[in-house]
Protein backbone atom coordinates (compact mmCIF):
# COMPACT_ATOMS: atom_id res chain seq x y z
CA MET A 1 -139.11 -14.96 -13.75
CA LYS A 2 -139.39 -14.86 -17.56
CA LYS A 3 -138.86 -11.08 -17.41
CA LEU A 4 -135.64 -11.54 -15.41
CA TYR A 5 -134.27 -14.12 -17.85
CA ALA A 6 -135.12 -11.82 -20.77
CA LYS A 7 -133.25 -8.90 -19.19
CA ILE A 8 -130.20 -11.03 -18.44
CA LEU A 9 -130.23 -12.29 -22.04
CA ILE A 10 -130.34 -8.69 -23.30
CA LEU A 11 -127.37 -7.82 -21.08
CA LEU A 12 -125.42 -10.72 -22.48
CA ILE A 13 -126.23 -9.74 -26.06
CA ILE A 14 -125.21 -6.08 -25.71
CA GLN A 15 -122.04 -6.73 -23.73
CA PRO A 16 -118.77 -5.85 -25.44
CA VAL A 17 -116.84 -8.74 -26.97
CA LEU A 18 -115.26 -10.66 -24.10
CA ALA A 19 -112.81 -13.47 -23.69
CA GLN A 20 -114.50 -15.49 -20.96
CA GLU A 21 -112.57 -18.03 -18.93
CA LYS A 22 -113.57 -20.40 -16.12
CA ILE A 23 -110.86 -20.53 -13.47
CA ASP A 24 -110.66 -23.12 -10.69
CA PHE A 25 -108.70 -22.65 -7.48
CA ASP A 26 -108.29 -24.15 -4.02
CA SER A 27 -109.94 -22.57 -0.98
CA ALA A 28 -111.41 -23.83 2.31
CA ASN A 29 -114.52 -23.65 4.51
CA PRO A 30 -113.78 -21.56 7.62
CA PHE A 31 -117.06 -20.83 9.42
CA ASN A 32 -115.90 -17.57 10.98
CA PHE A 33 -112.96 -15.16 11.09
CA ARG A 34 -111.46 -16.99 14.07
CA ASP A 35 -111.15 -20.12 11.94
CA ILE A 36 -109.04 -18.10 9.51
CA ILE A 37 -106.87 -16.35 12.09
CA ILE A 38 -106.34 -19.27 14.47
CA ASN A 39 -106.95 -22.46 12.52
CA LEU A 40 -106.62 -21.78 8.81
CA ASP A 41 -104.31 -24.76 8.19
CA LYS A 42 -106.89 -27.10 9.77
CA GLN A 43 -109.83 -26.11 7.58
CA GLU A 44 -111.52 -28.49 5.16
CA SER A 45 -110.33 -27.84 1.61
CA GLN A 46 -112.81 -26.65 -0.99
CA ASP A 47 -112.66 -26.46 -4.79
CA VAL A 48 -113.97 -23.07 -5.94
CA PHE A 49 -114.36 -21.55 -9.38
CA GLY A 50 -115.14 -18.21 -10.94
CA ILE A 51 -115.68 -16.60 -14.33
CA LEU A 52 -113.08 -14.20 -15.71
CA ASN A 53 -114.30 -11.67 -18.28
CA LEU A 54 -111.49 -10.10 -20.31
CA PRO A 55 -112.44 -7.18 -22.58
CA GLU A 56 -110.80 -7.67 -25.96
CA ALA A 57 -110.54 -3.95 -26.64
CA SER A 58 -110.91 -0.72 -24.68
CA THR A 59 -110.77 2.94 -25.56
CA GLU A 60 -109.79 3.76 -21.99
CA ASN A 61 -106.96 1.25 -21.71
CA THR A 62 -105.39 1.40 -25.16
CA GLY A 63 -101.77 0.33 -25.37
CA ASN A 64 -101.56 -1.56 -22.08
CA THR A 65 -100.67 -5.24 -22.34
CA LYS A 66 -102.01 -5.92 -18.85
CA ILE A 67 -105.34 -4.61 -17.65
CA PRO A 68 -106.89 -3.94 -14.22
CA LEU A 69 -109.32 -6.36 -12.63
CA ILE A 70 -112.31 -6.23 -10.29
CA ILE A 71 -113.10 -9.33 -8.23
CA ALA A 72 -116.86 -9.32 -7.61
CA VAL A 73 -118.80 -11.12 -4.88
CA ALA A 74 -122.58 -11.64 -4.85
CA GLY A 75 -125.08 -11.32 -1.98
CA SER A 76 -127.15 -13.81 -0.02
CA LYS A 77 -129.56 -14.34 -2.91
CA GLY A 78 -126.73 -15.14 -5.31
CA TRP A 79 -125.98 -13.36 -8.57
CA ALA A 80 -128.67 -10.90 -9.68
CA GLU A 81 -129.41 -8.77 -12.72
CA HIS A 82 -128.03 -5.51 -11.27
CA HIS A 83 -124.74 -7.23 -10.40
CA LEU A 84 -124.34 -8.11 -14.08
CA GLU A 85 -125.03 -4.50 -15.00
CA TYR A 86 -122.05 -3.39 -12.92
CA ILE A 87 -119.95 -6.14 -14.50
CA GLN A 88 -120.95 -4.92 -17.95
CA MET A 89 -120.12 -1.29 -17.06
CA TYR A 90 -116.65 -2.23 -15.82
CA ASN A 91 -115.96 -4.37 -18.89
CA GLU A 92 -116.96 -1.46 -21.14
CA MET A 93 -114.41 0.66 -19.28
CA GLY A 94 -111.72 -1.84 -20.26
CA ILE A 95 -111.53 -3.46 -16.81
CA ALA A 96 -111.56 -7.23 -16.47
CA THR A 97 -113.97 -8.77 -13.96
CA PHE A 98 -113.97 -12.02 -12.04
CA GLU A 99 -117.26 -13.36 -10.67
CA VAL A 100 -116.46 -15.51 -7.62
CA LYS A 101 -118.86 -18.47 -7.55
CA SER A 102 -118.72 -19.24 -3.83
CA PHE A 103 -122.33 -20.48 -3.72
CA GLU A 104 -122.26 -22.61 -6.86
CA SER A 105 -118.96 -24.19 -5.80
CA ARG A 106 -120.64 -25.41 -2.60
CA ASN A 107 -123.97 -26.38 -4.22
CA VAL A 108 -125.82 -23.56 -2.45
CA THR A 109 -128.36 -21.24 -4.12
CA SER A 110 -129.16 -18.83 -1.27
CA THR A 111 -128.23 -18.16 2.36
CA VAL A 112 -131.12 -15.80 3.13
CA GLY A 113 -132.51 -16.50 6.59
CA SER A 114 -129.63 -18.71 7.73
CA GLN A 115 -126.22 -17.28 6.73
CA ILE A 116 -124.39 -20.48 7.65
CA ALA A 117 -124.12 -22.57 4.45
CA VAL A 118 -121.70 -20.06 2.91
CA THR A 119 -120.26 -17.51 5.31
CA THR A 120 -118.42 -14.20 5.01
CA ALA A 121 -115.25 -15.94 6.17
CA MET A 122 -115.47 -18.54 3.39
CA MET A 123 -116.07 -15.86 0.77
CA ILE A 124 -113.22 -13.67 2.00
CA LEU A 125 -110.87 -16.63 1.77
CA ASP A 126 -112.25 -17.46 -1.69
CA SER A 127 -111.57 -13.87 -2.78
CA TYR A 128 -107.97 -13.88 -1.58
CA LYS A 129 -107.31 -17.27 -3.16
CA ALA A 130 -108.73 -15.90 -6.41
CA LEU A 131 -106.52 -12.82 -6.02
CA GLU A 132 -103.49 -15.05 -5.65
CA VAL A 133 -104.26 -16.97 -8.84
CA LEU A 134 -105.33 -13.98 -10.94
CA SER A 135 -102.32 -11.90 -9.93
CA ASN A 136 -100.28 -14.35 -11.99
CA HIS A 137 -102.57 -14.21 -15.03
CA PRO A 138 -100.65 -12.96 -18.10
CA ARG A 139 -103.36 -10.40 -18.98
CA ILE A 140 -103.89 -8.96 -15.48
CA ASN A 141 -102.08 -6.05 -13.82
CA SER A 142 -101.47 -7.50 -10.34
CA GLU A 143 -101.10 -4.02 -8.81
CA LYS A 144 -104.52 -2.90 -10.05
CA ILE A 145 -106.99 -5.43 -8.64
CA ALA A 146 -110.02 -4.20 -6.68
CA ILE A 147 -112.80 -6.04 -4.87
CA THR A 148 -116.51 -5.23 -4.82
CA GLY A 149 -119.60 -6.94 -3.45
CA TRP A 150 -123.24 -6.52 -2.52
CA SER A 151 -124.89 -7.25 0.86
CA LEU A 152 -123.19 -10.46 2.05
CA GLY A 153 -120.63 -9.78 -0.67
CA GLY A 154 -120.47 -6.21 0.60
CA GLY A 155 -119.35 -7.60 3.93
CA VAL A 156 -116.65 -9.52 2.05
CA ALA A 157 -115.49 -6.35 0.28
CA LEU A 158 -115.41 -4.48 3.61
CA TYR A 159 -113.86 -6.98 6.02
CA SER A 160 -111.36 -8.27 3.46
CA GLY A 161 -109.63 -5.01 4.33
CA TRP A 162 -109.30 -5.90 8.03
CA GLU A 163 -105.61 -6.29 8.79
CA PRO A 164 -105.75 -9.28 11.20
CA LEU A 165 -107.46 -11.32 8.44
CA ILE A 166 -105.01 -10.14 5.80
CA HIS A 167 -102.07 -11.05 8.04
CA ALA A 168 -103.52 -14.53 8.72
CA ILE A 169 -104.21 -15.29 5.05
CA ASN A 170 -100.81 -13.78 4.19
CA PRO A 171 -101.55 -13.01 0.53
CA THR A 172 -98.73 -12.17 -1.85
CA ASN A 173 -100.81 -9.35 -3.32
CA SER A 174 -103.33 -6.92 -1.85
CA PHE A 175 -106.49 -5.26 -3.19
CA ALA A 176 -105.97 -1.80 -4.63
CA ALA A 177 -109.49 -0.72 -3.57
CA HIS A 178 -112.57 -2.04 -1.76
CA LEU A 179 -116.08 -1.02 -2.89
CA SER A 180 -118.79 -2.34 -0.58
CA PHE A 181 -122.53 -2.13 -1.21
CA TYR A 182 -124.86 -2.26 1.82
CA PRO A 183 -122.69 -4.59 3.94
CA PRO A 184 -123.68 -5.89 7.39
CA CYS A 185 -121.71 -3.67 9.79
CA ILE A 186 -123.11 -5.34 12.90
CA VAL A 187 -119.63 -6.63 13.86
CA GLU A 188 -117.27 -3.96 15.19
CA PRO A 189 -113.62 -5.04 15.51
CA LEU A 190 -111.83 -3.99 18.68
CA ASP A 191 -108.77 -3.66 16.48
CA LEU A 192 -109.74 -1.04 13.89
CA ASN A 193 -106.61 -1.50 11.82
CA PHE A 194 -107.69 -1.69 8.17
CA THR A 195 -105.73 -1.76 4.94
CA SER A 196 -104.27 1.50 3.62
CA SER A 197 -106.12 0.90 0.34
CA PRO A 198 -109.30 2.98 -0.09
CA ILE A 199 -112.54 1.49 1.21
CA SER A 200 -115.94 2.91 0.28
CA ILE A 201 -119.37 1.85 1.52
CA GLN A 202 -122.60 2.59 -0.39
CA ILE A 203 -125.78 2.10 1.64
CA GLY A 204 -129.41 3.21 1.88
CA GLU A 205 -130.77 5.47 4.62
CA LEU A 206 -133.81 3.21 5.19
CA ASP A 207 -131.92 -0.10 5.09
CA ASN A 208 -133.20 -2.35 7.88
CA TRP A 209 -131.56 -5.53 6.56
CA THR A 210 -128.04 -4.16 7.03
CA PRO A 211 -128.65 -0.90 8.92
CA ALA A 212 -126.88 2.23 7.69
CA ASP A 213 -126.31 3.75 11.13
CA GLN A 214 -124.09 0.82 12.15
CA CYS A 215 -121.95 1.36 9.05
CA VAL A 216 -121.77 5.11 9.70
CA GLU A 217 -120.53 4.43 13.23
CA LEU A 218 -117.98 1.85 12.08
CA VAL A 219 -116.65 4.17 9.37
CA LYS A 220 -116.25 7.03 11.85
CA LYS A 221 -114.33 4.90 14.33
CA ALA A 222 -112.16 3.28 11.66
CA SER A 223 -111.47 6.64 10.02
CA ASP A 224 -110.51 8.16 13.38
CA SER A 225 -108.08 5.24 13.76
CA GLY A 226 -106.41 6.08 10.45
CA ALA A 227 -108.29 3.92 7.92
CA ASN A 228 -108.79 5.26 4.40
CA ILE A 229 -112.54 4.69 4.50
CA ASN A 230 -115.69 6.63 3.61
CA ILE A 231 -119.41 6.07 3.27
CA THR A 232 -122.23 7.34 1.08
CA VAL A 233 -125.76 7.10 2.52
CA TYR A 234 -128.50 7.40 -0.09
CA ARG A 235 -131.65 9.17 1.11
CA GLU A 236 -135.00 7.40 1.17
CA SER A 237 -133.36 4.17 -0.01
CA HIS A 238 -133.72 0.59 1.18
CA HIS A 239 -131.44 -2.42 1.00
CA ALA A 240 -130.43 -3.21 -2.60
CA PHE A 241 -131.37 0.31 -3.69
CA ASP A 242 -129.49 -0.25 -6.96
CA ARG A 243 -131.91 -2.91 -8.21
CA ASP A 244 -134.21 -2.04 -11.09
CA SER A 245 -137.31 -3.00 -9.11
CA GLU A 246 -139.77 -1.62 -6.57
CA PRO A 247 -139.10 -2.23 -2.83
CA ILE A 248 -140.70 -5.36 -1.42
CA VAL A 249 -140.53 -7.34 1.83
CA ASP A 250 -138.43 -10.50 2.08
CA PRO A 251 -140.20 -12.70 4.67
CA LYS A 252 -137.12 -14.89 5.21
CA GLY A 253 -134.53 -12.16 5.63
CA TYR A 254 -133.27 -10.73 8.91
CA ILE A 255 -133.92 -7.23 10.25
CA LEU A 256 -130.61 -6.63 12.03
CA SER A 257 -131.27 -3.23 13.61
CA ASN A 258 -131.07 -4.62 17.16
CA CYS A 259 -128.11 -6.94 16.57
CA SER A 260 -124.60 -5.76 17.47
CA TYR A 261 -121.35 -7.59 18.14
CA THR A 262 -117.71 -6.90 18.88
CA MET A 263 -114.78 -8.85 17.45
CA LYS A 264 -111.54 -9.63 19.20
CA ASP A 265 -108.16 -9.58 17.48
CA ASP A 266 -108.29 -13.37 17.03
CA GLY A 267 -111.61 -13.13 15.16
CA THR A 268 -113.82 -14.25 18.06
CA ILE A 269 -117.21 -12.53 17.80
CA LEU A 270 -118.96 -11.55 21.03
CA THR A 271 -122.47 -10.26 21.68
CA LYS A 272 -122.23 -6.68 22.92
CA ARG A 273 -124.87 -7.09 25.62
CA LEU A 274 -123.69 -10.33 27.25
CA ASN A 275 -120.15 -10.61 25.89
CA PHE A 276 -121.03 -14.15 24.80
CA PRO A 277 -118.83 -15.77 22.10
CA ILE A 278 -120.45 -16.87 18.81
CA ARG A 279 -118.25 -19.71 17.55
CA THR A 280 -120.63 -22.25 15.99
CA PRO A 281 -123.54 -22.20 13.51
CA PHE A 282 -125.93 -23.13 16.33
CA LEU A 283 -124.82 -20.24 18.53
CA GLN A 284 -125.10 -17.84 15.61
CA LYS A 285 -128.65 -18.93 14.89
CA LEU A 286 -129.50 -18.71 18.60
CA SER A 287 -128.08 -15.21 18.85
CA LEU A 288 -130.02 -13.99 15.82
CA ALA A 289 -133.20 -15.53 17.22
CA PHE A 290 -132.88 -13.15 20.20
CA CYS A 291 -131.97 -9.94 18.40
CA ALA A 292 -133.31 -10.17 14.83
CA LYS A 293 -136.77 -10.02 13.32
CA ARG A 294 -137.94 -11.24 9.93
CA GLY A 295 -139.16 -9.23 6.98
CA PRO A 296 -136.66 -6.59 5.81
CA VAL A 297 -137.45 -4.37 2.85
CA TYR A 298 -135.28 -4.42 -0.26
CA GLY A 299 -135.55 -2.90 -3.71
CA GLY A 300 -134.59 -0.03 -5.95
CA ASN A 301 -134.62 3.74 -5.74
CA ILE A 302 -134.01 5.20 -9.20
CA ASP A 303 -132.09 8.27 -8.01
CA ALA A 304 -129.87 6.26 -5.66
CA ARG A 305 -129.38 3.60 -8.34
CA ASN A 306 -128.20 6.12 -10.91
CA ALA A 307 -125.95 7.89 -8.41
CA SER A 308 -124.46 4.59 -7.27
CA PHE A 309 -123.56 3.47 -10.79
CA LYS A 310 -121.98 6.87 -11.45
CA PHE A 311 -120.02 6.75 -8.19
CA SER A 312 -118.85 3.19 -8.85
CA LYS A 313 -117.62 4.08 -12.31
CA GLU A 314 -115.62 7.06 -11.04
CA PHE A 315 -114.29 5.12 -8.03
CA MET A 316 -112.90 2.34 -10.20
CA ARG A 317 -111.61 4.77 -12.80
CA GLU A 318 -109.68 6.67 -10.13
CA HIS A 319 -108.16 3.64 -8.43
CA LEU A 320 -107.64 1.28 -11.37
CA LEU A 321 -107.28 3.33 -14.54
CA GLU A 322 -105.49 6.51 -13.48
């Protein structure tokens, strides 16, 4: 733990000079996508905050009054060291970043092994509410805002591009790009209509927490349906391959290789085998008890880590700076 704190402190010290701002905004607590699509106006309100990092100077963005932004969403374990490394890289490129604090706003530290205290639906809504507020920020270019996330946050970055959700939230602005790291692709929408903005998934070949083959299948079907989506699968790499640490087993996490669901246009999620709807936290936990095992592997692969940082830099440069 002391080593982690020391590394985070080093990152903070070597970061470029930033103007950091805490921003509060209104969101809600929809449990699932159906709550957004069908009952968004009936959801319990929720105060959420995030941290905006504004680079004071940039060699790659010289002369522009307004700068691009990346909204970033953490995984089930919350914010980690490698997330901050991406944030630092983007800031050094002259791109502002906004760390959405969905967990901290709800007094949650982790959702590993439960996935019900803070859900993908809540975090997607948080991200769009943040987008709405930040699009009006005097320093931000509202047409150049991307979203990225890891694991649970990767699911946010991916499914925030699903058109039925976008239509239900009805945002004034849209994301210019979606970069998703090892998301859970266990839910396949029957309606494969995604945003026209580019979506990219980065995932490990050996990932058994959020299996790569499910993402490969989803990308193929969505791409065949016209989505601007692609995937990079890193060889011999586990979940969270971009961490600077050796792979280990998480005894609380879910192995989702045998879990698969479909999703109707109204956001209702159904088990593929029995066509049974999953609408409540209890039913979700019951479903996972039947299909999931405990003990997924997660941790870094140096080659995949380096390649992922390089890809991410070029992806954001292409879609936000050019």
